[in-house]
Amino acid sequence: VLIVDDSPSVRRVVSGQLRDAGWVAVTAKDGRDALDELNRLGRLPDAVLLDVEMPRMDGYELLSTLRADPATRSLPVVMLTSRAGDKHRRKAADLGASGYLVKPYQPAELLRTLRNVAAVRV
């Protein structure tokens, strides 16, 4: 799972929770870093957890970029953000997000969501 968030503490906590649940976590600090990481990995992750507000390239820009590329169009992307408003949820859904979780989130809900979106792709 690629975790894209500008907060080092969020990346660390989420990575630890995913590792404890048996996932391999890779992190990026913003959208541009995430694109670099996707190129470096050599294969697509099972899913992306994506924050909305980040420097250089925000989550909406990255999601749009991923959906515009045939190679990443079907990559599951779950927004993981503090933005709880309907406007933000609608924008993410319109851009093709696979899921939307609001911080603070329940770890069990995060894992359930990841299992569901990753299973759809398999």
PDB file of N, CA and C in Angstrom:
ATOM      1  N   VAL A   1       0.852  -1.175   0.000  1.00  0.00           N
ATOM      2  CA  VAL A   1       0.000   0.000   0.000  1.00  0.00           C
ATOM      3  C   VAL A   1       0.894   1.233   0.000  1.00  0.00           C
ATOM      4  N   LEU A   2       0.618   2.144  -0.909  1.00  0.00           N
ATOM      5  CA  LEU A   2       1.339   3.412  -0.948  1.00  0.00           C
ATOM      6  C   LEU A   2       0.563   4.423  -0.107  1.00  0.00           C
ATOM      7  N   ILE A   3       1.209   4.958   0.918  1.00  0.00           N
ATOM      8  CA  ILE A   3       0.608   5.953   1.810  1.00  0.00           C
ATOM      9  C   ILE A   3       1.162   7.311   1.413  1.00  0.00           C
ATOM     10  N   VAL A   4       0.274   8.222   1.010  1.00  0.00           N
ATOM     11  CA  VAL A   4       0.698   9.545   0.552  1.00  0.00           C
ATOM     12  C   VAL A   4       0.114  10.586   1.502  1.00  0.00           C
ATOM     13  N   ASP A   5       0.972  11.176   2.313  1.00  0.00           N
ATOM     14  CA  ASP A   5       0.538  12.168   3.303  1.00  0.00           C
ATOM     15  C   ASP A   5       1.732  13.038   3.650  1.00  0.00           C
ATOM     16  N   ASP A   6       1.519  14.327   3.781  1.00  0.00           N
ATOM     17  CA  ASP A   6       2.636  15.223   4.096  1.00  0.00           C
ATOM     18  C   ASP A   6       3.029  15.185   5.567  1.00  0.00           C
ATOM     19  N   SER A   7       2.241  14.554   6.410  1.00  0.00           N
ATOM     20  CA  SER A   7       2.550  14.465   7.828  1.00  0.00           C
ATOM     21  C   SER A   7       3.400  13.226   8.124  1.00  0.00           C
ATOM     22  N   PRO A   8       4.638  13.439   8.606  1.00  0.00           N
ATOM     23  CA  PRO A   8       5.478  12.276   8.945  1.00  0.00           C
ATOM     24  C   PRO A   8       4.828  11.377   9.990  1.00  0.00           C
ATOM     25  N   SER A   9       4.129  11.969  10.959  1.00  0.00           N
ATOM     26  CA  SER A   9       3.516  11.148  12.009  1.00  0.00           C
ATOM     27  C   SER A   9       2.375  10.299  11.440  1.00  0.00           C
ATOM     28  N   VAL A  10       1.585  10.843  10.529  1.00  0.00           N
ATOM     29  CA  VAL A  10       0.519  10.052   9.907  1.00  0.00           C
ATOM     30  C   VAL A  10       1.130   8.909   9.099  1.00  0.00           C
ATOM     31  N   ARG A  11       2.159   9.205   8.316  1.00  0.00           N
ATOM     32  CA  ARG A  11       2.817   8.145   7.540  1.00  0.00           C
ATOM     33  C   ARG A  11       3.347   7.046   8.454  1.00  0.00           C
ATOM     34  N   ARG A  12       3.947   7.431   9.559  1.00  0.00           N
ATOM     35  CA  ARG A  12       4.521   6.464  10.492  1.00  0.00           C
ATOM     36  C   ARG A  12       3.440   5.605  11.159  1.00  0.00           C
ATOM     37  N   VAL A  13       2.377   6.250  11.647  1.00  0.00           N
ATOM     38  CA  VAL A  13       1.305   5.520  12.342  1.00  0.00           C
ATOM     39  C   VAL A  13       0.582   4.572  11.384  1.00  0.00           C
ATOM     40  N   VAL A  14       0.193   5.084  10.227  1.00  0.00           N
ATOM     41  CA  VAL A  14      -0.544   4.256   9.266  1.00  0.00           C
ATOM     42  C   VAL A  14       0.344   3.114   8.768  1.00  0.00           C
ATOM     43  N   SER A  15       1.605   3.399   8.489  1.00  0.00           N
ATOM     44  CA  SER A  15       2.534   2.348   8.055  1.00  0.00           C
ATOM     45  C   SER A  15       2.624   1.236   9.100  1.00  0.00           C
ATOM     46  N   GLY A  16       2.733   1.615  10.350  1.00  0.00           N
ATOM     47  CA  GLY A  16       2.823   0.632  11.427  1.00  0.00           C
ATOM     48  C   GLY A  16       1.570  -0.216  11.529  1.00  0.00           C
ATOM     49  N   GLN A  17       0.403   0.422  11.416  1.00  0.00           N
ATOM     50  CA  GLN A  17      -0.854  -0.327  11.479  1.00  0.00           C
ATOM     51  C   GLN A  17      -0.968  -1.311  10.318  1.00  0.00           C
ATOM     52  N   LEU A  18      -0.563  -0.865   9.137  1.00  0.00           N
ATOM     53  CA  LEU A  18      -0.640  -1.752   7.975  1.00  0.00           C
ATOM     54  C   LEU A  18       0.355  -2.898   8.092  1.00  0.00           C
ATOM     55  N   ARG A  19       1.567  -2.607   8.527  1.00  0.00           N
ATOM     56  CA  ARG A  19       2.566  -3.674   8.701  1.00  0.00           C
ATOM     57  C   ARG A  19       2.097  -4.699   9.728  1.00  0.00           C
ATOM     58  N   ASP A  20       1.504  -4.219  10.827  1.00  0.00           N
ATOM     59  CA  ASP A  20       0.991  -5.127  11.863  1.00  0.00           C
ATOM     60  C   ASP A  20      -0.106  -6.032  11.308  1.00  0.00           C
ATOM     61  N   ALA A  21      -0.815  -5.550  10.285  1.00  0.00           N
ATOM     62  CA  ALA A  21      -1.904  -6.329   9.675  1.00  0.00           C
ATOM     63  C   ALA A  21      -1.422  -7.173   8.492  1.00  0.00           C
ATOM     64  N   GLY A  22      -0.104  -7.145   8.230  1.00  0.00           N
ATOM     65  CA  GLY A  22       0.437  -7.988   7.177  1.00  0.00           C
ATOM     66  C   GLY A  22       0.633  -7.330   5.827  1.00  0.00           C
ATOM     67  N   TRP A  23       0.379  -6.038   5.723  1.00  0.00           N
ATOM     68  CA  TRP A  23       0.577  -5.325   4.466  1.00  0.00           C
ATOM     69  C   TRP A  23       2.018  -4.799   4.406  1.00  0.00           C
ATOM     70  N   VAL A  24       2.504  -4.552   3.227  1.00  0.00           N
ATOM     71  CA  VAL A  24       3.778  -3.868   3.030  1.00  0.00           C
ATOM     72  C   VAL A  24       3.442  -2.408   2.747  1.00  0.00           C
ATOM     73  N   ALA A  25       3.996  -1.508   3.537  1.00  0.00           N
ATOM     74  CA  ALA A  25       3.704  -0.080   3.396  1.00  0.00           C
ATOM     75  C   ALA A  25       4.884   0.647   2.771  1.00  0.00           C
ATOM     76  N   VAL A  26       4.568   1.499   1.805  1.00  0.00           N
ATOM     77  CA  VAL A  26       5.532   2.382   1.170  1.00  0.00           C
ATOM     78  C   VAL A  26       4.962   3.785   1.338  1.00  0.00           C
ATOM     79  N   THR A  27       5.817   4.777   1.573  1.00  0.00           N
ATOM     80  CA  THR A  27       5.301   6.115   1.850  1.00  0.00           C
ATOM     81  C   THR A  27       5.816   7.157   0.856  1.00  0.00           C
ATOM     82  N   ALA A  28       5.027   8.226   0.735  1.00  0.00           N
ATOM     83  CA  ALA A  28       5.389   9.395  -0.066  1.00  0.00           C
ATOM     84  C   ALA A  28       4.850  10.620   0.652  1.00  0.00           C
ATOM     85  N   LYS A  29       5.570  11.747   0.525  1.00  0.00           N
ATOM     86  CA  LYS A  29       5.194  12.948   1.281  1.00  0.00           C
ATOM     87  C   LYS A  29       4.252  13.886   0.535  1.00  0.00           C
ATOM     88  N   ASP A  30       4.055  13.656  -0.765  1.00  0.00           N
ATOM     89  CA  ASP A  30       3.099  14.456  -1.543  1.00  0.00           C
ATOM     90  C   ASP A  30       2.883  13.760  -2.884  1.00  0.00           C
ATOM     91  N   GLY A  31       2.066  14.350  -3.719  1.00  0.00           N
ATOM     92  CA  GLY A  31       1.725  13.727  -4.993  1.00  0.00           C
ATOM     93  C   GLY A  31       2.906  13.508  -5.913  1.00  0.00           C
ATOM     94  N   ARG A  32       3.792  14.473  -5.995  1.00  0.00           N
ATOM     95  CA  ARG A  32       4.976  14.313  -6.866  1.00  0.00           C
ATOM     96  C   ARG A  32       5.872  13.187  -6.368  1.00  0.00           C
ATOM     97  N   ASP A  33       6.058  13.139  -5.062  1.00  0.00           N
ATOM     98  CA  ASP A  33       6.854  12.074  -4.462  1.00  0.00           C
ATOM     99  C   ASP A  33       6.188  10.717  -4.721  1.00  0.00           C
ATOM    100  N   ALA A  34       4.866  10.681  -4.672  1.00  0.00           N
ATOM    101  CA  ALA A  34       4.127   9.441  -4.928  1.00  0.00           C
ATOM    102  C   ALA A  34       4.338   8.957  -6.364  1.00  0.00           C
ATOM    103  N   LEU A  35       4.303   9.870  -7.322  1.00  0.00           N
ATOM    104  CA  LEU A  35       4.545   9.484  -8.717  1.00  0.00           C
ATOM    105  C   LEU A  35       5.953   8.924  -8.878  1.00  0.00           C
ATOM    106  N   ASP A  36       6.931   9.546  -8.231  1.00  0.00           N
ATOM    107  CA  ASP A  36       8.301   9.041  -8.267  1.00  0.00           C
ATOM    108  C   ASP A  36       8.371   7.643  -7.655  1.00  0.00           C
ATOM    109  N   GLU A  37       7.677   7.469  -6.542  1.00  0.00           N
ATOM    110  CA  GLU A  37       7.680   6.174  -5.849  1.00  0.00           C
ATOM    111  C   GLU A  37       7.015   5.095  -6.707  1.00  0.00           C
ATOM    112  N   LEU A  38       5.934   5.434  -7.375  1.00  0.00           N
ATOM    113  CA  LEU A  38       5.268   4.465  -8.262  1.00  0.00           C
ATOM    114  C   LEU A  38       6.200   4.032  -9.388  1.00  0.00           C
ATOM    115  N   ASN A  39       6.952   4.960  -9.944  1.00  0.00           N
ATOM    116  CA  ASN A  39       7.916   4.626 -10.995  1.00  0.00           C
ATOM    117  C   ASN A  39       9.047   3.759 -10.447  1.00  0.00           C
ATOM    118  N   ARG A  40       9.487   4.058  -9.238  1.00  0.00           N
ATOM    119  CA  ARG A  40      10.583   3.323  -8.626  1.00  0.00           C
ATOM    120  C   ARG A  40      10.187   1.891  -8.267  1.00  0.00           C
ATOM    121  N   LEU A  41       8.938   1.695  -7.848  1.00  0.00           N
ATOM    122  CA  LEU A  41       8.482   0.377  -7.400  1.00  0.00           C
ATOM    123  C   LEU A  41       8.530  -0.678  -8.508  1.00  0.00           C
ATOM    124  N   GLY A  42       8.258  -0.274  -9.723  1.00  0.00           N
ATOM    125  CA  GLY A  42       8.279  -1.231 -10.817  1.00  0.00           C
ATOM    126  C   GLY A  42       7.004  -2.042 -10.961  1.00  0.00           C
ATOM    127  N   ARG A  43       6.121  -1.963  -9.999  1.00  0.00           N
ATOM    128  CA  ARG A  43       4.801  -2.591 -10.080  1.00  0.00           C
ATOM    129  C   ARG A  43       3.838  -1.762  -9.256  1.00  0.00           C
ATOM    130  N   LEU A  44       2.565  -1.866  -9.583  1.00  0.00           N
ATOM    131  CA  LEU A  44       1.580  -1.077  -8.856  1.00  0.00           C
ATOM    132  C   LEU A  44       1.311  -1.668  -7.480  1.00  0.00           C
ATOM    133  N   PRO A  45       1.097  -0.806  -6.494  1.00  0.00           N
ATOM    134  CA  PRO A  45       0.699  -1.316  -5.177  1.00  0.00           C
ATOM    135  C   PRO A  45      -0.739  -1.842  -5.246  1.00  0.00           C
ATOM    136  N   ASP A  46      -1.151  -2.537  -4.209  1.00  0.00           N
ATOM    137  CA  ASP A  46      -2.528  -3.029  -4.154  1.00  0.00           C
ATOM    138  C   ASP A  46      -3.525  -1.889  -3.980  1.00  0.00           C
ATOM    139  N   ALA A  47      -3.075  -0.795  -3.357  1.00  0.00           N
ATOM    140  CA  ALA A  47      -3.940   0.361  -3.128  1.00  0.00           C
ATOM    141  C   ALA A  47      -3.084   1.561  -2.743  1.00  0.00           C
ATOM    142  N   VAL A  48      -3.712   2.737  -2.809  1.00  0.00           N
ATOM    143  CA  VAL A  48      -3.086   3.988  -2.383  1.00  0.00           C
ATOM    144  C   VAL A  48      -3.978   4.626  -1.331  1.00  0.00           C
ATOM    145  N   LEU A  49      -3.379   5.048  -0.226  1.00  0.00           N
ATOM    146  CA  LEU A  49      -4.067   5.875   0.769  1.00  0.00           C
ATOM    147  C   LEU A  49      -3.574   7.291   0.537  1.00  0.00           C
ATOM    148  N   LEU A  50      -4.505   8.218   0.300  1.00  0.00           N
ATOM    149  CA  LEU A  50      -4.136   9.530  -0.206  1.00  0.00           C
ATOM    150  C   LEU A  50      -4.777  10.663   0.583  1.00  0.00           C
ATOM    151  N   ASP A  51      -3.933  11.540   1.117  1.00  0.00           N
ATOM    152  CA  ASP A  51      -4.396  12.753   1.788  1.00  0.00           C
ATOM    153  C   ASP A  51      -4.824  13.766   0.725  1.00  0.00           C
ATOM    154  N   VAL A  52      -5.621  14.736   1.098  1.00  0.00           N
ATOM    155  CA  VAL A  52      -6.063  15.763   0.152  1.00  0.00           C
ATOM    156  C   VAL A  52      -5.073  16.921   0.101  1.00  0.00           C
ATOM    157  N   GLU A  53      -4.802  17.524   1.233  1.00  0.00           N
ATOM    158  CA  GLU A  53      -3.996  18.742   1.253  1.00  0.00           C
ATOM    159  C   GLU A  53      -2.520  18.421   1.477  1.00  0.00           C
ATOM    160  N   MET A  54      -1.725  18.690   0.433  1.00  0.00           N
ATOM    161  CA  MET A  54      -0.284  18.460   0.485  1.00  0.00           C
ATOM    162  C   MET A  54       0.395  19.495  -0.402  1.00  0.00           C
ATOM    163  N   PRO A  55       1.680  19.768  -0.123  1.00  0.00           N
ATOM    164  CA  PRO A  55       2.419  20.706  -0.996  1.00  0.00           C
ATOM    165  C   PRO A  55       2.747  20.065  -2.343  1.00  0.00           C
ATOM    166  N   ARG A  56       3.195  20.880  -3.258  1.00  0.00           N
ATOM    167  CA  ARG A  56       3.629  20.486  -4.599  1.00  0.00           C
ATOM    168  C   ARG A  56       2.515  19.878  -5.438  1.00  0.00           C
ATOM    169  N   MET A  57       1.961  18.741  -5.064  1.00  0.00           N
ATOM    170  CA  MET A  57       0.838  18.146  -5.793  1.00  0.00           C
ATOM    171  C   MET A  57      -0.113  17.576  -4.753  1.00  0.00           C
ATOM    172  N   ASP A  58      -1.335  18.132  -4.703  1.00  0.00           N
ATOM    173  CA  ASP A  58      -2.273  17.666  -3.682  1.00  0.00           C
ATOM    174  C   ASP A  58      -2.940  16.351  -4.102  1.00  0.00           C
ATOM    175  N   GLY A  59      -3.752  15.818  -3.210  1.00  0.00           N
ATOM    176  CA  GLY A  59      -4.388  14.529  -3.456  1.00  0.00           C
ATOM    177  C   GLY A  59      -5.320  14.519  -4.648  1.00  0.00           C
ATOM    178  N   TYR A  60      -6.066  15.592  -4.855  1.00  0.00           N
ATOM    179  CA  TYR A  60      -6.973  15.646  -6.007  1.00  0.00           C
ATOM    180  C   TYR A  60      -6.178  15.645  -7.316  1.00  0.00           C
ATOM    181  N   GLU A  61      -5.078  16.393  -7.340  1.00  0.00           N
ATOM    182  CA  GLU A  61      -4.243  16.426  -8.551  1.00  0.00           C
ATOM    183  C   GLU A  61      -3.645  15.052  -8.834  1.00  0.00           C
ATOM    184  N   LEU A  62      -3.168  14.378  -7.777  1.00  0.00           N
ATOM    185  CA  LEU A  62      -2.597  13.053  -7.975  1.00  0.00           C
ATOM    186  C   LEU A  62      -3.673  12.076  -8.441  1.00  0.00           C
ATOM    187  N   LEU A  63      -4.839  12.120  -7.822  1.00  0.00           N
ATOM    188  CA  LEU A  63      -5.927  11.232  -8.226  1.00  0.00           C
ATOM    189  C   LEU A  63      -6.295  11.456  -9.686  1.00  0.00           C
ATOM    190  N   SER A  64      -6.387  12.709 -10.109  1.00  0.00           N
ATOM    191  CA  SER A  64      -6.683  13.022 -11.514  1.00  0.00           C
ATOM    192  C   SER A  64      -5.604  12.467 -12.436  1.00  0.00           C
ATOM    193  N   THR A  65      -4.354  12.613 -12.035  1.00  0.00           N
ATOM    194  CA  THR A  65      -3.229  12.116 -12.829  1.00  0.00           C
ATOM    195  C   THR A  65      -3.290  10.595 -12.955  1.00  0.00           C
ATOM    196  N   LEU A  66      -3.563   9.925 -11.845  1.00  0.00           N
ATOM    197  CA  LEU A  66      -3.644   8.463 -11.870  1.00  0.00           C
ATOM    198  C   LEU A  66      -4.792   7.975 -12.747  1.00  0.00           C
ATOM    199  N   ARG A  67      -5.929   8.654 -12.679  1.00  0.00           N
ATOM    200  CA  ARG A  67      -7.094   8.224 -13.456  1.00  0.00           C
ATOM    201  C   ARG A  67      -6.936   8.523 -14.943  1.00  0.00           C
ATOM    202  N   ALA A  68      -6.097   9.492 -15.282  1.00  0.00           N
ATOM    203  CA  ALA A  68      -5.880   9.849 -16.690  1.00  0.00           C
ATOM    204  C   ALA A  68      -4.905   8.900 -17.387  1.00  0.00           C
ATOM    205  N   ASP A  69      -4.149   8.133 -16.612  1.00  0.00           N
ATOM    206  CA  ASP A  69      -3.145   7.224 -17.175  1.00  0.00           C
ATOM    207  C   ASP A  69      -3.721   5.811 -17.245  1.00  0.00           C
ATOM    208  N   PRO A  70      -3.775   5.205 -18.428  1.00  0.00           N
ATOM    209  CA  PRO A  70      -4.321   3.852 -18.547  1.00  0.00           C
ATOM    210  C   PRO A  70      -3.628   2.834 -17.629  1.00  0.00           C
ATOM    211  N   ALA A  71      -2.354   3.030 -17.343  1.00  0.00           N
ATOM    212  CA  ALA A  71      -1.614   2.088 -16.504  1.00  0.00           C
ATOM    213  C   ALA A  71      -2.053   2.129 -15.038  1.00  0.00           C
ATOM    214  N   THR A  72      -2.585   3.267 -14.598  1.00  0.00           N
ATOM    215  CA  THR A  72      -2.982   3.410 -13.187  1.00  0.00           C
ATOM    216  C   THR A  72      -4.468   3.717 -13.017  1.00  0.00           C
ATOM    217  N   ARG A  73      -5.198   3.697 -14.102  1.00  0.00           N
ATOM    218  CA  ARG A  73      -6.618   4.072 -14.059  1.00  0.00           C
ATOM    219  C   ARG A  73      -7.421   3.247 -13.058  1.00  0.00           C
ATOM    220  N   SER A  74      -7.117   1.957 -12.954  1.00  0.00           N
ATOM    221  CA  SER A  74      -7.901   1.094 -12.068  1.00  0.00           C
ATOM    222  C   SER A  74      -7.253   0.881 -10.697  1.00  0.00           C
ATOM    223  N   LEU A  75      -6.157   1.573 -10.429  1.00  0.00           N
ATOM    224  CA  LEU A  75      -5.492   1.464  -9.137  1.00  0.00           C
ATOM    225  C   LEU A  75      -6.427   1.982  -8.031  1.00  0.00           C
ATOM    226  N   PRO A  76      -6.740   1.159  -7.029  1.00  0.00           N
ATOM    227  CA  PRO A  76      -7.622   1.623  -5.954  1.00  0.00           C
ATOM    228  C   PRO A  76      -6.979   2.756  -5.153  1.00  0.00           C
ATOM    229  N   VAL A  77      -7.719   3.858  -5.010  1.00  0.00           N
ATOM    230  CA  VAL A  77      -7.241   5.017  -4.262  1.00  0.00           C
ATOM    231  C   VAL A  77      -8.293   5.365  -3.211  1.00  0.00           C
ATOM    232  N   VAL A  78      -7.875   5.302  -1.953  1.00  0.00           N
ATOM    233  CA  VAL A  78      -8.748   5.654  -0.833  1.00  0.00           C
ATOM    234  C   VAL A  78      -8.246   6.963  -0.257  1.00  0.00           C
ATOM    235  N   MET A  79      -9.108   7.943  -0.226  1.00  0.00           N
ATOM    236  CA  MET A  79      -8.759   9.221   0.383  1.00  0.00           C
ATOM    237  C   MET A  79      -8.764   9.042   1.895  1.00  0.00           C
ATOM    238  N   LEU A  80      -7.715   9.525   2.546  1.00  0.00           N
ATOM    239  CA  LEU A  80      -7.588   9.479   4.001  1.00  0.00           C
ATOM    240  C   LEU A  80      -7.265  10.896   4.436  1.00  0.00           C
ATOM    241  N   THR A  81      -8.283  11.629   4.861  1.00  0.00           N
ATOM    242  CA  THR A  81      -8.158  13.070   5.038  1.00  0.00           C
ATOM    243  C   THR A  81      -8.933  13.570   6.246  1.00  0.00           C
ATOM    244  N   SER A  82      -8.609  14.762   6.692  1.00  0.00           N
ATOM    245  CA  SER A  82      -9.373  15.396   7.767  1.00  0.00           C
ATOM    246  C   SER A  82     -10.584  16.147   7.204  1.00  0.00           C
ATOM    247  N   ARG A  83     -10.681  16.247   5.905  1.00  0.00           N
ATOM    248  CA  ARG A  83     -11.786  16.952   5.251  1.00  0.00           C
ATOM    249  C   ARG A  83     -13.040  16.080   5.233  1.00  0.00           C
ATOM    250  N   ALA A  84     -13.998  16.412   6.106  1.00  0.00           N
ATOM    251  CA  ALA A  84     -15.187  15.577   6.268  1.00  0.00           C
ATOM    252  C   ALA A  84     -16.389  16.076   5.477  1.00  0.00           C
ATOM    253  N   GLY A  85     -16.295  17.246   4.867  1.00  0.00           N
ATOM    254  CA  GLY A  85     -17.452  17.841   4.199  1.00  0.00           C
ATOM    255  C   GLY A  85     -17.878  17.116   2.935  1.00  0.00           C
ATOM    256  N   ASP A  86     -19.158  17.246   2.627  1.00  0.00           N
ATOM    257  CA  ASP A  86     -19.723  16.624   1.423  1.00  0.00           C
ATOM    258  C   ASP A  86     -19.037  17.120   0.156  1.00  0.00           C
ATOM    259  N   LYS A  87     -18.662  18.398   0.140  1.00  0.00           N
ATOM    260  CA  LYS A  87     -17.999  18.965  -1.038  1.00  0.00           C
ATOM    261  C   LYS A  87     -16.720  18.185  -1.366  1.00  0.00           C
ATOM    262  N   HIS A  88     -15.942  17.881  -0.337  1.00  0.00           N
ATOM    263  CA  HIS A  88     -14.684  17.156  -0.529  1.00  0.00           C
ATOM    264  C   HIS A  88     -14.940  15.707  -0.938  1.00  0.00           C
ATOM    265  N   ARG A  89     -15.935  15.077  -0.304  1.00  0.00           N
ATOM    266  CA  ARG A  89     -16.288  13.694  -0.653  1.00  0.00           C
ATOM    267  C   ARG A  89     -16.746  13.613  -2.111  1.00  0.00           C
ATOM    268  N   ARG A  90     -17.601  14.554  -2.506  1.00  0.00           N
ATOM    269  CA  ARG A  90     -18.117  14.565  -3.887  1.00  0.00           C
ATOM    270  C   ARG A  90     -16.993  14.751  -4.890  1.00  0.00           C
ATOM    271  N   LYS A  91     -16.097  15.682  -4.592  1.00  0.00           N
ATOM    272  CA  LYS A  91     -14.985  15.922  -5.518  1.00  0.00           C
ATOM    273  C   LYS A  91     -14.134  14.662  -5.670  1.00  0.00           C
ATOM    274  N   ALA A  92     -13.843  13.998  -4.553  1.00  0.00           N
ATOM    275  CA  ALA A  92     -13.049  12.764  -4.610  1.00  0.00           C
ATOM    276  C   ALA A  92     -13.784  11.687  -5.407  1.00  0.00           C
ATOM    277  N   ALA A  93     -15.078  11.547  -5.167  1.00  0.00           N
ATOM    278  CA  ALA A  93     -15.865  10.547  -5.897  1.00  0.00           C
ATOM    279  C   ALA A  93     -15.905  10.882  -7.384  1.00  0.00           C
ATOM    280  N   ASP A  94     -16.096  12.151  -7.698  1.00  0.00           N
ATOM    281  CA  ASP A  94     -16.138  12.572  -9.101  1.00  0.00           C
ATOM    282  C   ASP A  94     -14.816  12.298  -9.818  1.00  0.00           C
ATOM    283  N   LEU A  95     -13.714  12.374  -9.086  1.00  0.00           N
ATOM    284  CA  LEU A  95     -12.397  12.127  -9.678  1.00  0.00           C
ATOM    285  C   LEU A  95     -12.052  10.633  -9.737  1.00  0.00           C
ATOM    286  N   GLY A  96     -12.889   9.810  -9.083  1.00  0.00           N
ATOM    287  CA  GLY A  96     -12.686   8.362  -9.174  1.00  0.00           C
ATOM    288  C   GLY A  96     -12.091   7.693  -7.954  1.00  0.00           C
ATOM    289  N   ALA A  97     -12.214   8.314  -6.778  1.00  0.00           N
ATOM    290  CA  ALA A  97     -11.711   7.676  -5.560  1.00  0.00           C
ATOM    291  C   ALA A  97     -12.490   6.386  -5.293  1.00  0.00           C
ATOM    292  N   SER A  98     -11.790   5.395  -4.802  1.00  0.00           N
ATOM    293  CA  SER A  98     -12.392   4.099  -4.488  1.00  0.00           C
ATOM    294  C   SER A  98     -13.027   4.091  -3.102  1.00  0.00           C
ATOM    295  N   GLY A  99     -12.614   5.023  -2.253  1.00  0.00           N
ATOM    296  CA  GLY A  99     -13.130   5.106  -0.899  1.00  0.00           C
ATOM    297  C   GLY A  99     -12.745   6.437  -0.281  1.00  0.00           C
ATOM    298  N   TYR A 100     -13.341   6.725   0.880  1.00  0.00           N
ATOM    299  CA  TYR A 100     -13.102   8.006   1.536  1.00  0.00           C
ATOM    300  C   TYR A 100     -13.190   7.788   3.041  1.00  0.00           C
ATOM    301  N   LEU A 101     -12.092   7.995   3.742  1.00  0.00           N
ATOM    302  CA  LEU A 101     -12.053   7.868   5.190  1.00  0.00           C
ATOM    303  C   LEU A 101     -11.616   9.199   5.790  1.00  0.00           C
ATOM    304  N   VAL A 102     -12.214   9.533   6.917  1.00  0.00           N
ATOM    305  CA  VAL A 102     -11.919  10.806   7.579  1.00  0.00           C
ATOM    306  C   VAL A 102     -11.069  10.550   8.820  1.00  0.00           C
ATOM    307  N   LYS A 103      -9.996  11.339   8.951  1.00  0.00           N
ATOM    308  CA  LYS A 103      -9.158  11.299  10.154  1.00  0.00           C
ATOM    309  C   LYS A 103      -9.885  12.041  11.273  1.00  0.00           C
ATOM    310  N   PRO A 104      -9.854  11.606  12.486  1.00  0.00           N
ATOM    311  CA  PRO A 104      -9.284  10.336  12.909  1.00  0.00           C
ATOM    312  C   PRO A 104     -10.176   9.179  12.458  1.00  0.00           C
ATOM    313  N   TYR A 105      -9.571   8.116  12.025  1.00  0.00           N
ATOM    314  CA  TYR A 105     -10.282   6.952  11.503  1.00  0.00           C
ATOM    315  C   TYR A 105     -10.137   5.794  12.491  1.00  0.00           C
ATOM    316  N   GLN A 106     -10.971   4.802  12.326  1.00  0.00           N
ATOM    317  CA  GLN A 106     -10.847   3.583  13.114  1.00  0.00           C
ATOM    318  C   GLN A 106      -9.940   2.621  12.342  1.00  0.00           C
ATOM    319  N   PRO A 107      -8.886   2.110  12.962  1.00  0.00           N
ATOM    320  CA  PRO A 107      -7.982   1.207  12.254  1.00  0.00           C
ATOM    321  C   PRO A 107      -8.701   0.023  11.598  1.00  0.00           C
ATOM    322  N   ALA A 108      -9.697  -0.532  12.261  1.00  0.00           N
ATOM    323  CA  ALA A 108     -10.430  -1.665  11.672  1.00  0.00           C
ATOM    324  C   ALA A 108     -11.148  -1.241  10.396  1.00  0.00           C
ATOM    325  N   GLU A 109     -11.680  -0.030  10.378  1.00  0.00           N
ATOM    326  CA  GLU A 109     -12.359   0.473   9.179  1.00  0.00           C
ATOM    327  C   GLU A 109     -11.362   0.674   8.040  1.00  0.00           C
ATOM    328  N   LEU A 110     -10.184   1.187   8.364  1.00  0.00           N
ATOM    329  CA  LEU A 110      -9.141   1.370   7.358  1.00  0.00           C
ATOM    330  C   LEU A 110      -8.764   0.024   6.737  1.00  0.00           C
ATOM    331  N   LEU A 111      -8.513  -0.976   7.568  1.00  0.00           N
ATOM    332  CA  LEU A 111      -8.122  -2.294   7.064  1.00  0.00           C
ATOM    333  C   LEU A 111      -9.241  -2.939   6.251  1.00  0.00           C
ATOM    334  N   ARG A 112     -10.465  -2.808   6.714  1.00  0.00           N
ATOM    335  CA  ARG A 112     -11.619  -3.357   5.979  1.00  0.00           C
ATOM    336  C   ARG A 112     -11.742  -2.695   4.609  1.00  0.00           C
ATOM    337  N   THR A 113     -11.599  -1.377   4.577  1.00  0.00           N
ATOM    338  CA  THR A 113     -11.687  -0.638   3.320  1.00  0.00           C
ATOM    339  C   THR A 113     -10.585  -1.071   2.361  1.00  0.00           C
ATOM    340  N   LEU A 114      -9.366  -1.197   2.867  1.00  0.00           N
ATOM    341  CA  LEU A 114      -8.246  -1.627   2.017  1.00  0.00           C
ATOM    342  C   LEU A 114      -8.495  -3.032   1.455  1.00  0.00           C
ATOM    343  N   ARG A 115      -8.919  -3.947   2.311  1.00  0.00           N
ATOM    344  CA  ARG A 115      -9.200  -5.310   1.832  1.00  0.00           C
ATOM    345  C   ARG A 115     -10.268  -5.285   0.742  1.00  0.00           C
ATOM    346  N   ASN A 116     -11.298  -4.480   0.924  1.00  0.00           N
ATOM    347  CA  ASN A 116     -12.391  -4.412  -0.059  1.00  0.00           C
ATOM    348  C   ASN A 116     -11.940  -3.836  -1.387  1.00  0.00           C
ATOM    349  N   VAL A 117     -11.208  -2.731  -1.366  1.00  0.00           N
ATOM    350  CA  VAL A 117     -10.814  -2.114  -2.645  1.00  0.00           C
ATOM    351  C   VAL A 117      -9.722  -2.919  -3.331  1.00  0.00           C
ATOM    352  N   ALA A 118      -8.808  -3.519  -2.565  1.00  0.00           N
ATOM    353  CA  ALA A 118      -7.755  -4.326  -3.175  1.00  0.00           C
ATOM    354  C   ALA A 118      -8.331  -5.593  -3.778  1.00  0.00           C
ATOM    355  N   ALA A 119      -9.363  -6.163  -3.151  1.00  0.00           N
ATOM    356  CA  ALA A 119      -9.991  -7.391  -3.657  1.00  0.00           C
ATOM    357  C   ALA A 119     -10.715  -7.130  -4.968  1.00  0.00           C
ATOM    358  N   VAL A 120     -11.269  -5.939  -5.128  1.00  0.00           N
ATOM    359  CA  VAL A 120     -11.990  -5.588  -6.360  1.00  0.00           C
ATOM    360  C   VAL A 120     -11.041  -5.632  -7.545  1.00  0.00           C
ATOM    361  N   ARG A 121      -9.812  -5.210  -7.337  1.00  0.00           N
ATOM    362  CA  ARG A 121      -8.832  -5.115  -8.406  1.00  0.00           C
ATOM    363  C   ARG A 121      -8.263  -6.479  -8.805  1.00  0.00           C
ATOM    364  N   VAL A 122      -8.215  -7.409  -7.883  1.00  0.00           N
ATOM    365  CA  VAL A 122      -7.582  -8.703  -8.123  1.00  0.00           C
ATOM    366  C   VAL A 122      -8.334  -9.513  -9.143  1.00  0.00           C
TER     367      VAL A 122
END
